[in-house]
Amino acid sequence: MKWTILLSIILLFACNKKENQRTTIVNDTLVTIPEATKIVKAEKPEILLPKQYSNTRFKEVTVERIDENKFRVRGKGQIFEANFNWIIEDGHDELKTGFQTTDAGAPDWGNFDFTITVEKKRENSKLTLVLFESSAKDGSRQHELPIVLF
């Protein structure tokens, strides 16, 4: 019986043992914090950069959605005579085509910046913008850079 009482008293004191605490100042207020508690500083939110696309003729190409159906396309191109073409397709049809120029021709990398407005024909289709250089020889597409819009 003595051992049971002694064991109970030891367990009671062990369970009620005061935790190690430290005192710190948080937001100009003196606060007592248990030692086991960690104080974590809030990190600055990570800034997400837009995804960049590139190939042998285009680099640092970004697409920014401005409106529901409007996109801003920026980047650099190393294009013969500074002219390149683009097309928007939905996997079935070519919805829109056009051409743009860079501010410098090959071998230099010229900048380009333009906007495109396009609407889907089918609700579940995926629009893809394809930048490409037209062959001076036969007009075929060369150095295609596909970019999924939405």
Protein backbone atom coordinates (compact mmCIF):
# COMPACT_ATOMS: atom_id res chain seq x y z
CA MET A 1 0.00 0.00 0.00
CA LYS A 2 2.87 2.36 0.82
CA TRP A 3 4.40 1.71 -2.57
CA THR A 4 1.15 2.48 -4.34
CA ILE A 5 0.78 5.79 -2.51
CA LEU A 6 4.43 6.67 -3.13
CA LEU A 7 4.14 5.81 -6.83
CA SER A 8 0.92 7.89 -7.13
CA ILE A 9 2.61 10.90 -5.53
CA ILE A 10 5.62 10.61 -7.88
CA LEU A 11 3.35 10.36 -10.93
CA LEU A 12 1.27 13.32 -9.73
CA PHE A 13 4.35 15.52 -9.36
CA ALA A 14 5.79 14.31 -12.68
CA CYS A 15 2.59 15.11 -14.57
CA ASN A 16 2.25 18.56 -12.98
CA LYS A 17 5.88 19.51 -13.53
CA LYS A 18 6.06 23.09 -14.73
CA GLU A 19 7.32 23.31 -18.30
CA ASN A 20 10.42 25.29 -19.09
CA GLN A 21 9.25 28.68 -20.24
CA ARG A 22 10.87 31.67 -21.79
CA THR A 23 9.82 35.24 -21.95
CA THR A 24 9.96 37.13 -25.22
CA ILE A 25 8.54 40.27 -26.77
CA VAL A 26 6.03 39.80 -29.57
CA ASN A 27 4.51 42.90 -31.18
CA ASP A 28 5.63 45.13 -28.24
CA THR A 29 4.00 42.78 -25.67
CA LEU A 30 5.84 40.68 -23.09
CA VAL A 31 4.75 37.07 -23.60
CA THR A 32 5.66 33.86 -21.74
CA ILE A 33 6.04 30.97 -24.16
CA PRO A 34 6.59 27.29 -23.27
CA GLU A 35 10.06 26.12 -24.32
CA ALA A 36 8.63 23.45 -26.64
CA THR A 37 6.85 26.11 -28.72
CA LYS A 38 8.66 27.28 -31.85
CA ILE A 39 8.35 30.80 -33.14
CA VAL A 40 8.37 30.88 -36.92
CA LYS A 41 8.74 34.10 -38.85
CA ALA A 42 6.29 34.55 -41.67
CA GLU A 43 8.05 34.31 -45.00
CA LYS A 44 7.40 36.69 -47.83
CA PRO A 45 5.04 35.19 -50.39
CA GLU A 46 6.82 33.64 -53.32
CA ILE A 47 6.49 35.70 -56.48
CA LEU A 48 5.51 33.44 -59.32
CA LEU A 49 7.08 34.37 -62.62
CA PRO A 50 5.18 33.62 -65.79
CA LYS A 51 6.22 30.44 -67.57
CA GLN A 52 8.73 31.04 -70.34
CA TYR A 53 8.86 29.13 -73.60
CA SER A 54 11.78 28.81 -76.02
CA ASN A 55 13.30 26.92 -78.92
CA THR A 56 16.09 27.64 -81.43
CA ARG A 57 14.39 30.76 -82.89
CA PHE A 58 12.28 32.03 -79.98
CA LYS A 59 13.28 32.63 -76.36
CA GLU A 60 11.87 34.13 -73.17
CA VAL A 61 8.36 33.94 -74.63
CA THR A 62 5.60 34.61 -72.08
CA VAL A 63 1.84 34.69 -72.48
CA GLU A 64 -0.24 36.81 -70.10
CA ARG A 65 -4.01 36.48 -69.98
CA ILE A 66 -5.40 40.03 -70.00
CA ASP A 67 -9.09 39.29 -70.35
CA GLU A 68 -11.26 36.22 -70.84
CA ASN A 69 -10.36 36.02 -74.54
CA LYS A 70 -7.38 38.39 -74.81
CA PHE A 71 -3.70 37.47 -74.44
CA ARG A 72 -0.44 39.43 -74.45
CA VAL A 73 2.51 37.63 -76.03
CA ARG A 74 6.06 38.87 -75.41
CA GLY A 75 9.50 37.51 -76.08
CA LYS A 76 12.53 37.51 -78.32
CA GLY A 77 13.08 36.03 -81.75
CA GLN A 78 16.09 35.39 -83.96
CA ILE A 79 14.15 35.51 -87.20
CA PHE A 80 15.24 36.03 -90.80
CA GLU A 81 14.14 39.53 -91.87
CA ALA A 82 12.48 39.92 -88.42
CA ASN A 83 9.12 38.46 -89.60
CA PHE A 84 7.39 35.50 -88.02
CA ASN A 85 3.93 34.00 -88.19
CA TRP A 86 1.53 32.70 -85.57
CA ILE A 87 -1.60 30.60 -85.59
CA ILE A 88 -4.18 29.68 -82.96
CA GLU A 89 -5.77 26.26 -83.25
CA ASP A 90 -8.10 24.20 -81.10
CA GLY A 91 -6.98 20.74 -82.21
CA HIS A 92 -9.55 20.67 -85.03
CA ASP A 93 -9.57 24.08 -86.69
CA GLU A 94 -7.29 27.05 -87.23
CA LEU A 95 -9.17 29.83 -85.45
CA LYS A 96 -6.90 32.77 -86.14
CA THR A 97 -3.65 33.48 -88.00
CA GLY A 98 -1.33 36.43 -88.25
CA PHE A 99 2.23 37.66 -88.42
CA GLN A 100 4.43 39.90 -86.34
CA THR A 101 7.83 41.51 -86.54
CA THR A 102 10.68 41.76 -84.09
CA ASP A 103 12.67 44.95 -83.61
CA ALA A 104 15.82 43.28 -85.04
CA GLY A 105 16.48 40.59 -87.63
CA ALA A 106 18.75 37.56 -87.37
CA PRO A 107 21.48 37.03 -86.26
CA ASP A 108 20.38 39.46 -83.52
CA TRP A 109 17.62 38.64 -81.03
CA GLY A 110 14.76 41.09 -81.58
CA ASN A 111 11.96 41.81 -79.12
CA PHE A 112 8.27 41.40 -79.87
CA ASP A 113 5.12 42.28 -77.95
CA PHE A 114 1.58 41.87 -79.28
CA THR A 115 -1.95 41.02 -78.18
CA ILE A 116 -4.36 38.44 -79.57
CA THR A 117 -8.11 38.17 -79.04
CA VAL A 118 -9.63 34.75 -79.72
CA GLU A 119 -12.74 32.80 -78.66
CA LYS A 120 -13.22 29.05 -78.44
CA LYS A 121 -15.60 27.38 -80.88
CA ARG A 122 -16.06 24.34 -78.64
CA GLU A 123 -16.43 24.53 -74.85
CA ASN A 124 -14.07 21.63 -74.05
CA SER A 125 -11.37 22.41 -76.61
CA LYS A 126 -7.85 23.52 -75.76
CA LEU A 127 -6.48 26.56 -77.60
CA THR A 128 -2.86 26.44 -78.71
CA LEU A 129 -0.80 29.36 -80.00
CA VAL A 130 1.95 28.30 -82.38
CA LEU A 131 4.76 30.73 -83.23
CA PHE A 132 6.80 29.80 -86.28
CA GLU A 133 9.12 31.03 -88.99
CA SER A 134 8.06 30.53 -92.60
CA SER A 135 10.60 28.95 -94.90
CA ALA A 136 11.91 31.36 -97.56
CA LYS A 137 12.25 28.33 -99.84
CA ASP A 138 8.75 26.84 -99.79
CA GLY A 139 6.71 28.71 -97.14
CA SER A 140 6.53 25.70 -94.80
CA ARG A 141 6.50 26.11 -91.04
CA GLN A 142 9.89 25.98 -89.36
CA HIS A 143 10.95 26.17 -85.72
CA GLU A 144 7.40 25.87 -84.36
CA LEU A 145 6.88 26.88 -80.73
CA PRO A 146 3.49 25.62 -79.42
CA ILE A 147 2.03 27.32 -76.32
CA VAL A 148 -1.22 26.11 -74.71
CA LEU A 149 -3.42 29.12 -73.90
CA PHE A 150 -6.39 27.50 -72.11
